[in-house]
C-alpha atoms as a PDB file:
ATOM      1  CA  MET A   1      16.238 -56.928  29.737  1.00  0.00           C
ATOM      2  CA  PRO A   2      18.037 -56.646  26.370  1.00  0.00           C
ATOM      3  CA  ASP A   3      16.653 -58.590  23.439  1.00  0.00           C
ATOM      4  CA  ARG A   4      19.618 -60.237  21.696  1.00  0.00           C
ATOM      5  CA  ARG A   5      17.752 -62.110  18.982  1.00  0.00           C
ATOM      6  CA  ARG A   6      19.607 -62.640  15.762  1.00  0.00           C
ATOM      7  CA  GLU A   7      17.835 -63.360  12.544  1.00  0.00           C
ATOM      8  CA  GLY A   8      19.505 -64.483   9.367  1.00  0.00           C
ATOM      9  CA  PRO A   9      18.380 -65.521   5.926  1.00  0.00           C
ATOM     10  CA  GLY A  10      17.556 -68.994   7.242  1.00  0.00           C
ATOM     11  CA  GLY A  11      15.336 -67.611   9.984  1.00  0.00           C
ATOM     12  CA  LEU A  12      17.700 -68.692  12.764  1.00  0.00           C
ATOM     13  CA  THR A  13      16.931 -66.990  16.028  1.00  0.00           C
ATOM     14  CA  SER A  14      18.324 -67.182  19.520  1.00  0.00           C
ATOM     15  CA  VAL A  15      16.397 -67.011  22.731  1.00  0.00           C
ATOM     16  CA  PRO A  16      16.573 -63.529  24.306  1.00  0.00           C
ATOM     17  CA  ALA A  17      18.764 -63.154  27.354  1.00  0.00           C
ATOM     18  CA  ASP A  18      16.801 -63.823  30.503  1.00  0.00           C
ATOM     19  CA  PRO A  19      18.377 -63.502  33.958  1.00  0.00           C
ATOM     20  CA  ALA A  20      16.293 -66.462  35.157  1.00  0.00           C
ATOM     21  CA  HIS A  21      17.597 -68.734  32.403  1.00  0.00           C
ATOM     22  CA  GLY A  22      21.156 -67.532  32.005  1.00  0.00           C
ATOM     23  CA  PRO A  23      22.835 -66.188  28.859  1.00  0.00           C
ATOM     24  CA  GLU A  24      21.616 -66.453  25.332  1.00  0.00           C
ATOM     25  CA  GLN A  25      20.634 -70.018  24.472  1.00  0.00           C
ATOM     26  CA  PRO A  26      21.713 -72.027  21.421  1.00  0.00           C
ATOM     27  CA  PHE A  27      19.484 -71.895  18.393  1.00  0.00           C
ATOM     28  CA  ALA A  28      18.523 -74.199  15.552  1.00  0.00           C
ATOM     29  CA  GLY A  29      16.954 -73.537  12.206  1.00  0.00           C
ATOM     30  CA  ALA A  30      14.315 -75.567  10.442  1.00  0.00           C
ATOM     31  CA  PRO A  31      15.470 -77.677   7.482  1.00  0.00           C
ATOM     32  CA  ARG A  32      15.681 -75.648   4.290  1.00  0.00           C
ATOM     33  CA  THR A  33      16.112 -76.774   0.695  1.00  0.00           C
ATOM     34  CA  THR A  34      18.327 -75.280  -1.978  1.00  0.00           C
ATOM     35  CA  ARG A  35      18.892 -76.295  -5.581  1.00  0.00           C
ATOM     36  CA  TYR A  36      22.150 -76.186  -7.478  1.00  0.00           C
ATOM     37  CA  ARG A  37      22.004 -76.220 -11.285  1.00  0.00           C
ATOM     38  CA  LEU A  38      24.792 -76.107 -13.833  1.00  0.00           C
ATOM     39  CA  ARG A  39      24.436 -76.600 -17.571  1.00  0.00           C
ATOM     40  CA  LEU A  40      27.185 -75.536 -19.914  1.00  0.00           C
ATOM     41  CA  GLY A  41      27.552 -78.533 -22.208  1.00  0.00           C
ATOM     42  CA  ALA A  42      25.523 -81.390 -23.573  1.00  0.00           C
ATOM     43  CA  TRP A  43      24.162 -82.220 -20.114  1.00  0.00           C
ATOM     44  CA  GLY A  44      23.942 -80.575 -16.721  1.00  0.00           C
ATOM     45  CA  ILE A  45      24.193 -81.112 -13.000  1.00  0.00           C
ATOM     46  CA  TRP A  46      21.130 -80.692 -10.792  1.00  0.00           C
ATOM     47  CA  VAL A  47      21.190 -81.267  -7.020  1.00  0.00           C
ATOM     48  CA  GLU A  48      18.417 -80.560  -4.522  1.00  0.00           C
ATOM     49  CA  LEU A  49      19.736 -80.494  -0.958  1.00  0.00           C
ATOM     50  CA  THR A  50      17.854 -80.108   2.331  1.00  0.00           C
ATOM     51  CA  ALA A  51      19.831 -79.285   5.458  1.00  0.00           C
ATOM     52  CA  SER A  52      19.471 -77.644   8.834  1.00  0.00           C
ATOM     53  CA  ALA A  53      21.869 -75.819  11.135  1.00  0.00           C
ATOM     54  CA  SER A  54      22.223 -75.432  14.854  1.00  0.00           C
ATOM     55  CA  VAL A  55      24.626 -73.221  16.753  1.00  0.00           C
ATOM     56  CA  GLY A  56      25.712 -73.688  20.338  1.00  0.00           C
ATOM     57  CA  ALA A  57      28.591 -73.154  22.729  1.00  0.00           C
ATOM     58  CA  GLY A  58      29.550 -76.826  23.051  1.00  0.00           C
ATOM     59  CA  VAL A  59      31.004 -79.339  20.638  1.00  0.00           C
ATOM     60  CA  PRO A  60      28.149 -81.219  18.903  1.00  0.00           C
ATOM     61  CA  VAL A  61      27.655 -84.866  19.851  1.00  0.00           C
ATOM     62  CA  THR A  62      27.158 -85.820  16.184  1.00  0.00           C
ATOM     63  CA  GLY A  63      28.963 -84.859  13.037  1.00  0.00           C
ATOM     64  CA  GLU A  64      32.515 -84.511  11.846  1.00  0.00           C
ATOM     65  CA  ARG A  65      34.651 -81.385  12.204  1.00  0.00           C
ATOM     66  CA  VAL A  66      35.274 -79.743   8.815  1.00  0.00           C
ATOM     67  CA  ALA A  67      36.718 -76.414  10.021  1.00  0.00           C
ATOM     68  CA  ASP A  68      37.271 -74.541  13.296  1.00  0.00           C
ATOM     69  CA  GLY A  69      33.890 -74.504  15.022  1.00  0.00           C
ATOM     70  CA  VAL A  70      32.101 -76.046  11.995  1.00  0.00           C
ATOM     71  CA  TRP A  71      30.726 -79.590  12.021  1.00  0.00           C
ATOM     72  CA  LEU A  72      28.890 -81.674   9.426  1.00  0.00           C
ATOM     73  CA  ASP A  73      26.468 -84.545  10.053  1.00  0.00           C
ATOM     74  CA  VAL A  74      25.777 -86.610   6.929  1.00  0.00           C
ATOM     75  CA  SER A  75      24.386 -89.653   8.743  1.00  0.00           C
ATOM     76  CA  PRO A  76      20.805 -89.064   7.495  1.00  0.00           C
ATOM     77  CA  VAL A  77      21.876 -89.274   3.834  1.00  0.00           C
ATOM     78  CA  LEU A  78      24.245 -92.184   4.420  1.00  0.00           C
ATOM     79  CA  ALA A  79      21.345 -94.155   5.915  1.00  0.00           C
ATOM     80  CA  HIS A  80      18.553 -92.937   3.613  1.00  0.00           C
ATOM     81  CA  PRO A  81      16.237 -95.867   2.759  1.00  0.00           C
ATOM     82  CA  PRO A  82      16.956 -96.971  -0.827  1.00  0.00           C
ATOM     83  CA  SER A  83      13.260 -97.534  -1.509  1.00  0.00           C
ATOM     84  CA  ASP A  84      12.346 -93.927  -0.605  1.00  0.00           C
ATOM     85  CA  ARG A  85      12.335 -91.964  -3.858  1.00  0.00           C
ATOM     86  CA  ARG A  86      12.225 -88.575  -2.069  1.00  0.00           C
ATOM     87  CA  GLY A  87      15.995 -88.668  -1.621  1.00  0.00           C
ATOM     88  CA  LYS A  88      19.170 -90.607  -2.345  1.00  0.00           C
ATOM     89  CA  ARG A  89      21.412 -92.693  -0.135  1.00  0.00           C
ATOM     90  CA  LEU A  90      24.923 -91.357  -0.602  1.00  0.00           C
ATOM     91  CA  THR A  91      28.140 -93.314  -0.631  1.00  0.00           C
ATOM     92  CA  ALA A  92      31.050 -92.357   1.615  1.00  0.00           C
ATOM     93  CA  GLY A  93      32.824 -90.920  -1.439  1.00  0.00           C
ATOM     94  CA  GLU A  94      29.839 -88.731  -2.306  1.00  0.00           C
ATOM     95  CA  ALA A  95      29.594 -87.581   1.332  1.00  0.00           C
ATOM     96  CA  ALA A  96      33.235 -86.482   1.112  1.00  0.00           C
ATOM     97  CA  TRP A  97      32.134 -83.922  -1.496  1.00  0.00           C
ATOM     98  CA  LEU A  98      29.605 -82.556   1.019  1.00  0.00           C
ATOM     99  CA  ARG A  99      32.462 -82.137   3.523  1.00  0.00           C
ATOM    100  CA  HIS A 100      34.459 -80.285   0.874  1.00  0.00           C
ATOM    101  CA  GLY A 101      31.560 -77.923   0.164  1.00  0.00           C
ATOM    102  CA  LEU A 102      31.060 -77.013   3.819  1.00  0.00           C
ATOM    103  CA  ALA A 103      34.820 -76.710   4.367  1.00  0.00           C
ATOM    104  CA  LEU A 104      34.860 -73.997   1.681  1.00  0.00           C
ATOM    105  CA  ALA A 105      32.402 -71.987   3.804  1.00  0.00           C
ATOM    106  CA  GLY A 106      34.115 -72.956   7.078  1.00  0.00           C
ATOM    107  CA  PRO A 107      36.399 -69.932   7.555  1.00  0.00           C
ATOM    108  CA  ALA A 108      33.533 -67.478   6.950  1.00  0.00           C
ATOM    109  CA  LEU A 109      31.270 -69.405   9.335  1.00  0.00           C
ATOM    110  CA  ALA A 110      33.937 -69.559  12.044  1.00  0.00           C
ATOM    111  CA  ALA A 111      34.551 -65.809  11.742  1.00  0.00           C
ATOM    112  CA  ARG A 112      30.842 -65.060  12.316  1.00  0.00           C
ATOM    113  CA  GLY A 113      30.749 -66.535  15.809  1.00  0.00           C
ATOM    114  CA  PRO A 114      34.114 -67.086  17.501  1.00  0.00           C
ATOM    115  CA  GLY A 115      33.767 -69.728  20.202  1.00  0.00           C
ATOM    116  CA  ALA A 116      30.474 -71.011  18.823  1.00  0.00           C
ATOM    117  CA  HIS A 117      30.038 -74.404  17.195  1.00  0.00           C
ATOM    118  CA  THR A 118      27.893 -74.676  14.073  1.00  0.00           C
ATOM    119  CA  LEU A 119      26.488 -78.092  13.173  1.00  0.00           C
ATOM    120  CA  VAL A 120      25.068 -78.547   9.683  1.00  0.00           C
ATOM    121  CA  THR A 121      22.966 -81.674   9.191  1.00  0.00           C
ATOM    122  CA  VAL A 122      22.242 -82.790   5.633  1.00  0.00           C
ATOM    123  CA  ASP A 123      18.788 -84.330   5.824  1.00  0.00           C
ATOM    124  CA  ARG A 124      18.101 -85.129   2.172  1.00  0.00           C
ATOM    125  CA  VAL A 125      19.758 -85.046  -1.226  1.00  0.00           C
ATOM    126  CA  LEU A 126      18.088 -85.621  -4.563  1.00  0.00           C
ATOM    127  CA  PHE A 127      19.638 -85.748  -8.028  1.00  0.00           C
ATOM    128  CA  PRO A 128      19.001 -87.586 -11.299  1.00  0.00           C
ATOM    129  CA  GLU A 129      20.898 -90.864 -11.667  1.00  0.00           C
ATOM    130  CA  ALA A 130      22.056 -89.843 -15.139  1.00  0.00           C
ATOM    131  CA  ASP A 131      24.013 -86.662 -15.705  1.00  0.00           C
ATOM    132  CA  PHE A 132      25.437 -86.534 -12.193  1.00  0.00           C
ATOM    133  CA  GLN A 133      28.868 -85.594 -10.878  1.00  0.00           C
ATOM    134  CA  PRO A 134      29.563 -85.715  -7.147  1.00  0.00           C
ATOM    135  CA  GLU A 135      31.285 -82.325  -7.297  1.00  0.00           C
ATOM    136  CA  GLY A 136      27.749 -80.924  -7.594  1.00  0.00           C
ATOM    137  CA  LEU A 137      27.174 -81.987  -3.977  1.00  0.00           C
ATOM    138  CA  ALA A 138      30.014 -79.707  -2.823  1.00  0.00           C
ATOM    139  CA  ALA A 139      28.660 -76.788  -4.838  1.00  0.00           C
ATOM    140  CA  ALA A 140      25.119 -77.410  -3.532  1.00  0.00           C
ATOM    141  CA  LEU A 141      26.136 -77.452   0.152  1.00  0.00           C
ATOM    142  CA  LEU A 142      28.335 -74.394  -0.352  1.00  0.00           C
ATOM    143  CA  ARG A 143      25.370 -72.543  -1.893  1.00  0.00           C
ATOM    144  CA  TRP A 144      23.113 -73.730   0.963  1.00  0.00           C
ATOM    145  CA  ALA A 145      25.585 -72.354   3.551  1.00  0.00           C
ATOM    146  CA  GLU A 146      25.867 -69.015   1.716  1.00  0.00           C
ATOM    147  CA  GLU A 147      22.083 -68.653   1.693  1.00  0.00           C
ATOM    148  CA  GLU A 148      21.516 -69.950   5.229  1.00  0.00           C
ATOM    149  CA  PHE A 149      24.109 -67.751   6.905  1.00  0.00           C
ATOM    150  CA  GLY A 150      24.146 -64.762   4.559  1.00  0.00           C
ATOM    151  CA  LEU A 151      27.746 -65.382   3.484  1.00  0.00           C
ATOM    152  CA  ALA A 152      29.353 -63.702   0.520  1.00  0.00           C
ATOM    153  CA  PRO A 153      29.282 -65.956  -2.547  1.00  0.00           C
ATOM    154  CA  HIS A 154      32.346 -68.124  -3.082  1.00  0.00           C
ATOM    155  CA  PRO A 155      33.540 -68.073  -6.700  1.00  0.00           C
ATOM    156  CA  VAL A 156      33.189 -71.693  -7.829  1.00  0.00           C
ATOM    157  CA  ARG A 157      33.956 -71.888 -11.507  1.00  0.00           C
ATOM    158  CA  ALA A 158      33.302 -74.805 -13.809  1.00  0.00           C
ATOM    159  CA  HIS A 159      33.731 -75.536 -17.457  1.00  0.00           C
ATOM    160  CA  PHE A 160      32.580 -78.436 -19.577  1.00  0.00           C
ATOM    161  CA  ASP A 161      35.354 -80.643 -20.969  1.00  0.00           C
ATOM    162  CA  ARG A 162      33.789 -82.068 -24.135  1.00  0.00           C
ATOM    163  CA  GLY A 163      36.554 -84.642 -24.610  1.00  0.00           C
ATOM    164  CA  ALA A 164      36.067 -86.085 -21.130  1.00  0.00           C
ATOM    165  CA  ASN A 165      32.293 -85.429 -21.215  1.00  0.00           C
ATOM    166  CA  ARG A 166      32.359 -83.996 -17.704  1.00  0.00           C
ATOM    167  CA  TYR A 167      32.529 -80.736 -15.806  1.00  0.00           C
ATOM    168  CA  VAL A 168      35.818 -79.518 -14.389  1.00  0.00           C
ATOM    169  CA  PHE A 169      35.476 -77.425 -11.226  1.00  0.00           C
ATOM    170  CA  ARG A 170      37.854 -74.736  -9.992  1.00  0.00           C
ATOM    171  CA  TRP A 171      37.310 -74.147  -6.304  1.00  0.00           C
ATOM    172  CA  PRO A 172      37.916 -70.778  -4.557  1.00  0.00           C
ATOM    173  CA  ALA A 173      41.524 -69.685  -4.061  1.00  0.00           C
ATOM    174  CA  GLY A 174      43.217 -71.043  -0.972  1.00  0.00           C
ATOM    175  CA  GLN A 175      40.915 -74.070  -0.829  1.00  0.00           C
ATOM    176  CA  GLY A 176      42.858 -76.343  -3.156  1.00  0.00           C
ATOM    177  CA  ARG A 177      41.652 -78.117  -6.225  1.00  0.00           C
ATOM    178  CA  LEU A 178      39.911 -81.211  -4.981  1.00  0.00           C
ATOM    179  CA  THR A 179      39.313 -83.499  -7.911  1.00  0.00           C
ATOM    180  CA  ARG A 180      38.644 -86.650  -5.913  1.00  0.00           C
ATOM    181  CA  PRO A 181      37.980 -86.564  -2.165  1.00  0.00           C
END
């Protein structure tokens, strides 16, 4: 019997093909944390993001479609208990930046497994209350997806606008310049 296990940077594996159990089964990875840091001016952006991914043949029952075959579930961070200091409860506007970040990786994810559905669940987000811009959430989830799935880096550029006292992001070509979701 052929062993069709796949292993990626996130340790995702599939169950080997077994005639008694049918074709290769869906797989899920354990939650993994990544950190995004940017400091070019007087202050910086720091986001710690924990997410997990699962891949299967069917449409996920949770999450929102962000690209062909790519789904995002932000419900854990929208409902995070405010008294729990291990993470932040996000607003709908902040969650929109997470959708933007995963949408940037969407075409590369869809190309990796035609017909498969990838669900990314954001389990926890942490950032300092001061010195925060929600665009950092998009960059953090994009970095997480690149690391988790072994994708080529997407060129996200930013510069610090001293007059506005904020970072200005330039997203990869073909993905538009989202300034406000």
